[in-house]
Amino acid sequence: MKKVLLALTLLLGMTVVSAPAEAHGSDYKRVAYFVQWGVYGRNYHVKDMETSGAARKLTHINYAFGFVNQQAECYSADAWADWQRPVPAEQSVDGVADAPGQALNGNLNQLKKLKAKYPKLKVLISLGGWTGSKYFSDAVLTAESRSKLAKSCIDLWLRGNLPGLADGTGSGVFDGIDLDWEWPGYPGAPGNVVRPEDKQNFTAFVAELRSQMNAYKRSGLITAFLPAATRVIDAGLEVRKVFRNLDYATIQGYDLHGPWDKITGHHSNLYNDRRDPNDIRESLDQTVNYYLERGAPIRKLVAGVPAYGKGWTGVPAGPAKDGVYQPATGAAPGKWEAGSEDYKDILAKPGKRYRDVRTGAVWLYDGTEFWTYDDPIVMLQKAAYIRHKGLGGYMMWSIDGDDAKASLTSALYRVLR
């Protein structure tokens, strides 16, 4: 382990950290998102986090997503997946099928079983996401709506008062709330409500949620997923103020480039590449430093890493013959979405793999398709960076993209434990 850290710090131009691996111990947050819809086409279940070995290497699981409506209420985006679907024995964490007439089924019951096996594991409900943030602005617009929303979210997800079931049926599943508003004060998905005052209202809502959370359970966690782009940060976040009421925040370290760009590039690079011809250059390191400059406490910053890649097609080789920073005709075909592919599926793609250690990037190019992604070596680099920088840990979107051996999760765990 010390040799791995030494090699990576030297490669990255860092000062070697002399503190032992136990210096921070369990203080590192090792966070992964579990997607609610994974139980369908992806056939990825809570049990898979156990069988891959990932569960024991995580400290927090963010369950994505719960939604927020225009009436300032939290609600389930898919009650069938959340608590209604009977889980068969072969998909169950403990090998026991949900019994007929059982009150709590689905993913929530499986998460409860996983927590019983790993008592230190924390699970948070994530609210919003790209498709569930439409009415966040309405829901936090006034003091009354902010109070109503906070109460609704705590009642539904933490107290476990699930619709159609006895009060408290879902209690004990969630330890906190993760806010995934994409984005305050800045357009996200088409049709999202956006207001200039979102910036102040987001701060006020987090304060209200903290007050109600403390009244319910002082150990209840409040976290947030925050953007990478400086223009989005400036439009929607009072960084210093909002962090006062957050236990920590996970910051976007991916989607920095993608097939929405006309030329190829790295979507999750650790450092900026001076060769990047794009007008806007971003990196994980740049994003971290931007938050620090605006008053974010360094130990409350949790760096986001991807378990998926972004891809273009119709890409010429270019002078370096590697496809990087070359024009493309569009998004490469993907299993679930054009221009996007899980890490485990990128492994099976043909082509030559290239690596830029100083940028912290790896990519795949086959003469026409270009895929930018993270592999275990890049994860080791990022873990060494997180450790050296003194950050709070890492967050992965999303755990179903890792392979059956949890190779990405394991690489991060080697350094951050």
Protein backbone atom coordinates (compact mmCIF):
# COMPACT_ATOMS: atom_id res chain seq x y z
CA MET A 1 0.00 0.00 0.00
CA LYS A 2 2.75 2.50 0.88
CA LYS A 3 4.55 1.70 -2.37
CA VAL A 4 1.33 2.30 -4.35
CA LEU A 5 0.77 5.64 -2.65
CA LEU A 6 4.40 6.68 -3.13
CA ALA A 7 4.35 5.83 -6.84
CA LEU A 8 1.11 7.70 -7.41
CA THR A 9 2.16 10.79 -5.50
CA LEU A 10 5.40 10.95 -7.45
CA LEU A 11 3.58 10.50 -10.76
CA LEU A 12 1.13 13.24 -9.87
CA GLY A 13 3.83 15.61 -8.66
CA MET A 14 2.58 15.56 -5.08
CA THR A 15 4.51 15.82 -1.85
CA VAL A 16 4.66 12.35 -0.30
CA VAL A 17 2.29 11.99 2.63
CA SER A 18 4.06 10.46 5.59
CA ALA A 19 0.98 9.86 7.73
CA PRO A 20 0.03 6.17 8.08
CA ALA A 21 -3.05 4.73 6.41
CA GLU A 22 -4.84 4.74 9.74
CA ALA A 23 -4.53 8.54 10.12
CA HIS A 24 -8.12 9.26 9.09
CA GLY A 25 -9.47 5.75 9.39
CA SER A 26 -13.24 5.56 9.07
CA ASP A 27 -13.45 9.35 8.68
CA TYR A 28 -13.31 8.84 4.92
CA LYS A 29 -16.74 8.75 3.32
CA ARG A 30 -17.00 5.96 0.77
CA VAL A 31 -20.31 6.74 -0.89
CA ALA A 32 -22.11 5.00 -3.77
CA TYR A 33 -25.42 5.69 -5.43
CA PHE A 34 -27.80 2.76 -5.87
CA VAL A 35 -30.37 3.42 -8.60
CA GLN A 36 -33.97 2.51 -7.89
CA TRP A 37 -34.66 1.44 -11.48
CA GLY A 38 -31.70 -0.92 -11.62
CA VAL A 39 -33.90 -3.85 -10.58
CA TYR A 40 -35.57 -3.79 -13.99
CA GLY A 41 -33.58 -3.97 -17.25
CA ARG A 42 -30.20 -3.74 -15.57
CA ASN A 43 -31.11 -6.62 -13.24
CA TYR A 44 -28.99 -5.06 -10.49
CA HIS A 45 -30.24 -5.60 -6.95
CA VAL A 46 -29.25 -4.60 -3.43
CA LYS A 47 -27.89 -8.13 -3.00
CA ASP A 48 -25.38 -7.48 -5.81
CA MET A 49 -23.61 -4.95 -3.60
CA GLU A 50 -23.09 -7.81 -1.15
CA THR A 51 -22.04 -10.52 -3.59
CA SER A 52 -19.56 -8.24 -5.40
CA GLY A 53 -17.87 -7.33 -2.12
CA ALA A 54 -18.74 -3.65 -2.51
CA ALA A 55 -21.06 -3.36 0.51
CA ARG A 56 -18.39 -3.97 3.13
CA LYS A 57 -16.18 -1.32 1.49
CA LEU A 58 -18.80 1.44 1.62
CA THR A 59 -19.76 3.77 4.43
CA HIS A 60 -22.82 5.34 2.78
CA ILE A 61 -25.35 4.37 0.12
CA ASN A 62 -27.45 7.05 -1.58
CA TYR A 63 -30.74 5.63 -2.84
CA ALA A 64 -31.77 7.40 -6.05
CA PHE A 65 -34.30 8.94 -6.32
CA GLY A 66 -37.23 10.37 -4.41
CA PHE A 67 -39.07 13.22 -6.12
CA VAL A 68 -40.44 16.61 -5.02
CA ASN A 69 -43.72 17.99 -6.34
CA GLN A 70 -45.09 21.49 -6.90
CA GLN A 71 -47.04 21.29 -3.63
CA ALA A 72 -43.80 21.02 -1.62
CA GLU A 73 -44.21 17.32 -0.88
CA CYS A 74 -41.82 14.41 -1.12
CA TYR A 75 -43.10 11.36 -2.97
CA SER A 76 -41.86 8.06 -4.33
CA ALA A 77 -40.93 8.01 -8.01
CA ASP A 78 -41.60 4.24 -8.11
CA ALA A 79 -43.41 2.73 -5.12
CA TRP A 80 -43.31 -0.73 -6.74
CA ALA A 81 -39.52 -0.79 -6.79
CA ASP A 82 -39.23 1.02 -3.46
CA TRP A 83 -41.45 -1.06 -1.16
CA GLN A 84 -44.11 -3.03 -3.04
CA ARG A 85 -42.22 -5.52 -5.24
CA PRO A 86 -41.93 -8.98 -3.61
CA VAL A 87 -38.26 -9.90 -3.76
CA PRO A 88 -37.54 -13.59 -4.50
CA ALA A 89 -35.01 -15.55 -2.47
CA GLU A 90 -32.31 -15.47 -5.15
CA GLN A 91 -32.38 -11.64 -5.14
CA SER A 92 -32.58 -11.24 -1.37
CA VAL A 93 -29.64 -10.13 0.77
CA ASP A 94 -30.23 -12.91 3.29
CA GLY A 95 -31.57 -15.48 0.82
CA VAL A 96 -35.09 -15.25 2.25
CA ALA A 97 -37.94 -14.31 -0.09
CA ASP A 98 -40.49 -11.68 0.85
CA ALA A 99 -43.50 -13.47 2.30
CA PRO A 100 -47.08 -12.98 1.05
CA GLY A 101 -48.75 -10.19 3.02
CA GLN A 102 -45.44 -8.78 4.24
CA ALA A 103 -45.78 -5.01 4.76
CA LEU A 104 -42.36 -3.79 3.61
CA ASN A 105 -40.96 -5.31 0.43
CA GLY A 106 -38.81 -4.09 -2.43
CA ASN A 107 -35.54 -2.21 -2.31
CA LEU A 108 -36.25 -0.59 1.05
CA ASN A 109 -36.57 -3.91 2.83
CA GLN A 110 -33.39 -5.16 1.13
CA LEU A 111 -31.51 -2.05 2.24
CA LYS A 112 -32.74 -2.69 5.77
CA LYS A 113 -31.40 -6.26 5.56
CA LEU A 114 -28.06 -4.97 4.24
CA LYS A 115 -27.79 -2.56 7.16
CA ALA A 116 -28.48 -5.41 9.58
CA LYS A 117 -25.47 -7.20 8.12
CA TYR A 118 -23.30 -4.05 8.16
CA PRO A 119 -24.45 -2.02 11.18
CA LYS A 120 -22.10 0.90 10.46
CA LEU A 121 -23.47 1.39 6.94
CA LYS A 122 -25.60 4.51 6.46
CA VAL A 123 -28.32 4.84 3.82
CA LEU A 124 -29.67 8.17 2.56
CA ILE A 125 -32.64 8.94 0.34
CA SER A 126 -31.57 11.15 -2.55
CA LEU A 127 -34.13 13.71 -3.66
CA GLY A 128 -34.33 15.06 -7.18
CA GLY A 129 -31.81 13.99 -9.79
CA TRP A 130 -31.83 15.06 -13.42
CA THR A 131 -35.44 14.00 -14.00
CA GLY A 132 -36.84 14.79 -10.54
CA SER A 133 -35.76 18.40 -9.95
CA LYS A 134 -38.48 20.16 -11.96
CA TYR A 135 -40.36 21.64 -9.00
CA PHE A 136 -37.60 22.11 -6.43
CA SER A 137 -37.68 25.86 -7.03
CA ASP A 138 -41.43 26.00 -6.30
CA ALA A 139 -41.09 23.76 -3.25
CA VAL A 140 -38.53 26.00 -1.51
CA LEU A 141 -39.95 29.35 -2.61
CA THR A 142 -41.40 30.50 0.72
CA ALA A 143 -40.78 29.89 4.40
CA GLU A 144 -44.07 28.00 4.55
CA SER A 145 -43.25 25.76 1.59
CA ARG A 146 -39.77 25.06 2.90
CA SER A 147 -41.18 23.98 6.25
CA LYS A 148 -43.79 21.82 4.54
CA LEU A 149 -41.23 20.14 2.30
CA ALA A 150 -38.82 19.37 5.14
CA LYS A 151 -41.62 17.84 7.21
CA SER A 152 -42.92 15.82 4.26
CA CYS A 153 -39.50 14.36 3.45
CA ILE A 154 -38.74 13.41 7.04
CA ASP A 155 -42.21 11.90 7.54
CA LEU A 156 -42.11 9.84 4.37
CA TRP A 157 -38.54 8.60 4.26
CA LEU A 158 -37.15 8.71 7.81
CA ARG A 159 -40.26 8.18 9.92
CA GLY A 160 -41.27 5.64 7.27
CA ASN A 161 -44.88 6.73 6.87
CA LEU A 162 -45.33 5.14 3.45
CA PRO A 163 -48.64 5.59 1.57
CA GLY A 164 -51.06 2.70 2.01
CA LEU A 165 -49.11 1.17 4.90
CA ALA A 166 -49.26 1.55 8.67
CA ASP A 167 -47.32 4.54 10.02
CA GLY A 168 -43.67 3.74 10.59
CA THR A 169 -43.57 0.69 8.33
CA GLY A 170 -40.57 2.10 6.48
CA SER A 171 -38.70 3.42 9.50
CA GLY A 172 -35.13 2.34 10.07
CA VAL A 173 -34.18 2.27 6.39
CA PHE A 174 -32.84 5.79 5.93
CA ASP A 175 -30.33 7.65 8.09
CA GLY A 176 -30.57 10.95 6.29
CA ILE A 177 -31.46 12.97 3.21
CA ASP A 178 -29.28 13.74 0.19
CA LEU A 179 -30.34 16.77 -1.86
CA ASP A 180 -29.80 16.31 -5.60
CA TRP A 181 -31.37 19.49 -6.96
CA GLU A 182 -30.02 19.83 -10.51
CA TRP A 183 -29.66 22.85 -10.41
CA PRO A 184 -30.56 25.82 -8.17
CA GLY A 185 -30.60 29.01 -10.24
CA TYR A 186 -29.45 27.29 -13.43
CA PRO A 187 -31.30 25.25 -16.09
CA GLY A 188 -30.99 21.51 -15.81
CA ALA A 189 -33.43 19.18 -17.57
CA PRO A 190 -35.79 20.89 -20.05
CA GLY A 191 -38.87 22.25 -18.30
CA ASN A 192 -37.30 22.70 -14.87
CA VAL A 193 -38.50 25.71 -12.91
CA VAL A 194 -35.58 28.09 -12.33
CA ARG A 195 -35.47 31.38 -10.42
CA PRO A 196 -32.61 33.77 -9.56
CA GLU A 197 -33.61 33.54 -5.89
CA ASP A 198 -33.02 29.77 -5.90
CA LYS A 199 -29.56 30.49 -4.52
CA GLN A 200 -30.85 32.03 -1.30
CA ASN A 201 -33.85 29.70 -1.08
CA PHE A 202 -31.63 26.61 -1.28
CA THR A 203 -29.59 27.88 1.66
CA ALA A 204 -32.77 28.63 3.59
CA PHE A 205 -34.21 25.18 2.86
CA VAL A 206 -31.10 23.38 4.04
CA ALA A 207 -31.27 25.41 7.26
CA GLU A 208 -34.94 24.52 7.73
CA LEU A 209 -34.27 20.86 7.00
CA ARG A 210 -31.43 20.88 9.53
CA SER A 211 -33.70 22.38 12.18
CA GLN A 212 -36.41 19.79 11.62
CA MET A 213 -33.89 16.97 11.32
CA ASN A 214 -32.33 17.89 14.65
CA ALA A 215 -35.78 17.91 16.25
CA TYR A 216 -36.45 14.44 14.83
CA LYS A 217 -33.02 12.87 15.26
CA ARG A 218 -29.83 14.83 15.85
CA SER A 219 -27.72 12.16 14.18
CA GLY A 220 -29.75 12.44 10.96
CA LEU A 221 -27.54 13.26 7.99
CA ILE A 222 -28.04 16.03 5.44
CA THR A 223 -25.87 15.96 2.34
CA ALA A 224 -26.04 17.44 -1.16
CA PHE A 225 -24.79 16.69 -4.65
CA LEU A 226 -23.24 19.86 -6.05
CA PRO A 227 -22.18 20.85 -9.58
CA ALA A 228 -18.72 21.08 -11.15
CA ALA A 229 -19.16 23.99 -13.55
CA THR A 230 -18.17 27.36 -12.09
CA ARG A 231 -21.06 29.11 -13.85
CA VAL A 232 -23.55 26.72 -12.22
CA ILE A 233 -21.93 27.08 -8.79
CA ASP A 234 -22.03 30.88 -9.01
CA ALA A 235 -25.65 30.93 -10.17
CA GLY A 236 -27.09 28.72 -7.46
CA LEU A 237 -24.94 28.28 -4.39
CA GLU A 238 -24.03 30.36 -1.36
CA VAL A 239 -21.18 27.97 -0.73
CA ARG A 240 -19.98 29.09 2.70
CA LYS A 241 -23.50 29.47 4.07
CA VAL A 242 -24.99 26.24 2.74
CA PHE A 243 -22.12 24.10 4.03
CA ARG A 244 -22.87 25.19 7.61
CA ASN A 245 -25.90 22.89 7.66
CA LEU A 246 -24.53 20.05 5.53
CA ASP A 247 -22.71 17.07 7.01
CA TYR A 248 -20.83 16.90 3.72
CA ALA A 249 -21.40 17.44 0.01
CA THR A 250 -20.51 15.25 -2.94
CA ILE A 251 -19.20 17.27 -5.86
CA GLN A 252 -19.53 16.38 -9.52
CA GLY A 253 -16.29 15.03 -10.98
CA TYR A 254 -17.67 13.72 -14.26
CA ASP A 255 -19.65 14.80 -17.35
CA LEU A 256 -16.97 17.47 -17.78
CA HIS A 257 -17.02 16.67 -21.51
CA GLY A 258 -19.42 14.47 -23.43
CA PRO A 259 -21.03 13.86 -26.82
CA TRP A 260 -22.89 17.17 -26.49
CA ASP A 261 -19.46 18.64 -27.37
CA LYS A 262 -18.41 18.70 -31.02
CA ILE A 263 -14.97 17.30 -30.27
CA THR A 264 -13.82 14.46 -28.02
CA GLY A 265 -12.36 15.07 -24.57
CA HIS A 266 -12.04 13.63 -21.09
CA HIS A 267 -15.24 13.48 -19.05
CA SER A 268 -13.72 12.82 -15.62
CA ASN A 269 -10.09 13.99 -15.69
CA LEU A 270 -8.35 14.70 -12.40
CA TYR A 271 -6.38 17.71 -13.70
CA ASN A 272 -6.81 20.15 -16.58
CA ASP A 273 -5.01 19.26 -19.79
CA ARG A 274 -3.21 22.24 -21.36
CA ARG A 275 -3.73 20.63 -24.77
CA ASP A 276 -7.52 20.77 -24.41
CA PRO A 277 -8.76 23.12 -27.15
CA ASN A 278 -12.24 23.54 -25.64
CA ASP A 279 -13.23 27.02 -24.54
CA ILE A 280 -14.28 25.65 -21.15
CA ARG A 281 -11.78 23.39 -19.37
CA GLU A 282 -12.79 21.59 -16.23
CA SER A 283 -11.33 18.98 -13.92
CA LEU A 284 -11.94 17.46 -10.51
CA ASP A 285 -9.01 19.40 -9.04
CA GLN A 286 -10.26 22.70 -10.45
CA THR A 287 -13.72 22.08 -9.02
CA VAL A 288 -12.34 21.20 -5.57
CA ASN A 289 -10.22 24.35 -5.49
CA TYR A 290 -13.16 26.51 -6.60
CA TYR A 291 -15.27 25.26 -3.68
CA LEU A 292 -12.40 25.80 -1.25
CA GLU A 293 -11.92 29.37 -2.47
CA ARG A 294 -15.59 30.03 -1.74
CA GLY A 295 -15.45 28.76 1.81
CA ALA A 296 -16.29 25.06 1.69
CA PRO A 297 -14.61 23.12 4.55
CA ILE A 298 -12.15 20.73 2.97
CA ARG A 299 -13.20 17.70 5.05
CA LYS A 300 -16.82 18.23 3.95
CA LEU A 301 -15.91 17.91 0.26
CA VAL A 302 -16.46 14.40 -1.12
CA ALA A 303 -15.15 13.92 -4.66
CA GLY A 304 -17.45 12.39 -7.25
CA VAL A 305 -16.10 9.64 -9.52
CA PRO A 306 -17.89 7.78 -12.34
CA ALA A 307 -18.55 4.09 -12.91
CA TYR A 308 -19.44 4.86 -16.53
CA GLY A 309 -17.93 6.49 -19.59
CA LYS A 310 -18.92 8.94 -22.31
CA GLY A 311 -18.50 8.15 -25.99
CA TRP A 312 -18.43 9.68 -29.48
CA THR A 313 -18.52 8.05 -32.91
CA GLY A 314 -17.16 9.11 -36.30
CA VAL A 315 -13.88 10.18 -34.72
CA PRO A 316 -10.73 10.47 -36.87
CA ALA A 317 -7.40 9.41 -35.38
CA GLY A 318 -5.79 12.84 -35.46
CA PRO A 319 -2.05 13.62 -35.37
CA ALA A 320 -1.47 11.54 -32.23
CA LYS A 321 -3.49 8.62 -33.69
CA ASP A 322 -5.43 8.30 -30.41
CA GLY A 323 -8.68 10.16 -31.22
CA VAL A 324 -8.37 12.70 -28.42
CA TYR A 325 -9.61 16.26 -29.10
CA GLN A 326 -10.89 15.29 -32.55
CA PRO A 327 -14.21 16.14 -34.25
CA ALA A 328 -17.03 13.60 -34.04
CA THR A 329 -20.24 12.94 -35.91
CA GLY A 330 -22.27 12.27 -32.76
CA ALA A 331 -22.82 10.10 -29.71
CA ALA A 332 -21.55 6.52 -29.81
CA PRO A 333 -24.19 3.78 -29.40
CA GLY A 334 -24.69 2.74 -25.77
CA LYS A 335 -26.44 -0.17 -24.11
CA TRP A 336 -28.82 2.04 -22.13
CA GLU A 337 -28.25 5.50 -23.58
CA ALA A 338 -26.45 6.88 -26.62
CA GLY A 339 -23.08 8.30 -25.65
CA SER A 340 -22.98 6.59 -22.24
CA GLU A 341 -21.79 3.15 -21.16
CA ASP A 342 -21.18 1.36 -17.85
CA TYR A 343 -17.57 0.64 -16.92
CA LYS A 344 -18.26 -3.11 -16.94
CA ASP A 345 -19.49 -2.89 -20.55
CA ILE A 346 -16.61 -0.67 -21.71
CA LEU A 347 -14.27 -3.48 -20.65
CA ALA A 348 -15.63 -5.66 -23.46
CA LYS A 349 -15.27 -3.02 -26.20
CA PRO A 350 -12.58 -3.40 -28.87
CA GLY A 351 -9.85 -0.85 -29.46
CA LYS A 352 -6.65 0.43 -27.92
CA ARG A 353 -6.52 1.93 -24.44
CA TYR A 354 -4.55 5.11 -23.81
CA ARG A 355 -3.57 6.78 -20.56
CA ASP A 356 -2.42 10.25 -19.52
CA VAL A 357 -1.16 9.93 -15.95
CA ARG A 358 -0.54 13.64 -15.44
CA THR A 359 -4.10 14.50 -16.47
CA GLY A 360 -5.53 11.49 -14.68
CA ALA A 361 -7.41 10.16 -17.68
CA VAL A 362 -7.83 6.93 -19.63
CA TRP A 363 -9.66 6.42 -22.91
CA LEU A 364 -10.48 3.78 -25.50
CA TYR A 365 -10.25 4.35 -29.27
CA ASP A 366 -10.95 1.83 -32.05
CA GLY A 367 -10.54 4.06 -35.10
CA THR A 368 -14.06 5.46 -35.02
CA GLU A 369 -15.45 5.27 -31.45
CA PHE A 370 -13.86 7.19 -28.58
CA TRP A 371 -14.74 6.36 -24.96
CA THR A 372 -13.55 8.34 -21.92
CA TYR A 373 -13.93 6.63 -18.53
CA ASP A 374 -12.19 5.72 -15.25
CA ASP A 375 -10.48 2.39 -14.57
CA PRO A 376 -8.95 1.03 -11.33
CA ILE A 377 -5.62 2.77 -11.99
CA VAL A 378 -7.32 6.16 -12.38
CA MET A 379 -9.32 5.43 -9.22
CA LEU A 380 -6.05 4.81 -7.37
CA GLN A 381 -4.78 8.16 -8.64
CA LYS A 382 -7.92 9.91 -7.48
CA ALA A 383 -7.86 8.18 -4.11
CA ALA A 384 -4.25 9.30 -3.63
CA TYR A 385 -5.33 12.83 -4.55
CA ILE A 386 -8.25 12.74 -2.10
CA ARG A 387 -5.93 11.55 0.65
CA HIS A 388 -3.19 14.08 -0.12
CA LYS A 389 -5.62 16.98 -0.44
CA GLY A 390 -7.37 16.11 2.83
CA LEU A 391 -10.83 15.71 1.31
CA GLY A 392 -13.66 13.88 3.02
CA GLY A 393 -13.77 10.88 0.72
CA TYR A 394 -15.31 9.81 -2.58
CA MET A 395 -18.74 9.28 -4.12
CA MET A 396 -19.46 6.96 -7.06
CA TRP A 397 -22.26 7.30 -9.59
CA SER A 398 -23.45 4.61 -9.73
CA ILE A 399 -22.58 1.27 -8.16
CA ASP A 400 -24.36 -0.84 -10.80
CA GLY A 401 -21.79 0.34 -13.37
CA ASP A 402 -18.91 -1.32 -11.54
CA ASP A 403 -17.99 -4.88 -12.53
CA ALA A 404 -18.95 -8.10 -10.75
CA LYS A 405 -15.76 -7.95 -8.64
CA ALA A 406 -16.32 -4.30 -7.65
CA SER A 407 -12.95 -3.42 -9.16
CA LEU A 408 -13.46 0.35 -9.07
CA THR A 409 -14.81 0.30 -5.52
CA SER A 410 -11.95 -1.93 -4.40
CA ALA A 411 -9.29 0.32 -5.93
CA LEU A 412 -10.64 3.31 -4.00
CA TYR A 413 -10.91 1.26 -0.82
CA ARG A 414 -7.23 0.27 -1.00
CA VAL A 415 -6.27 3.89 -0.28
CA LEU A 416 -9.30 5.34 1.52
CA ARG A 417 -9.98 3.11 4.50
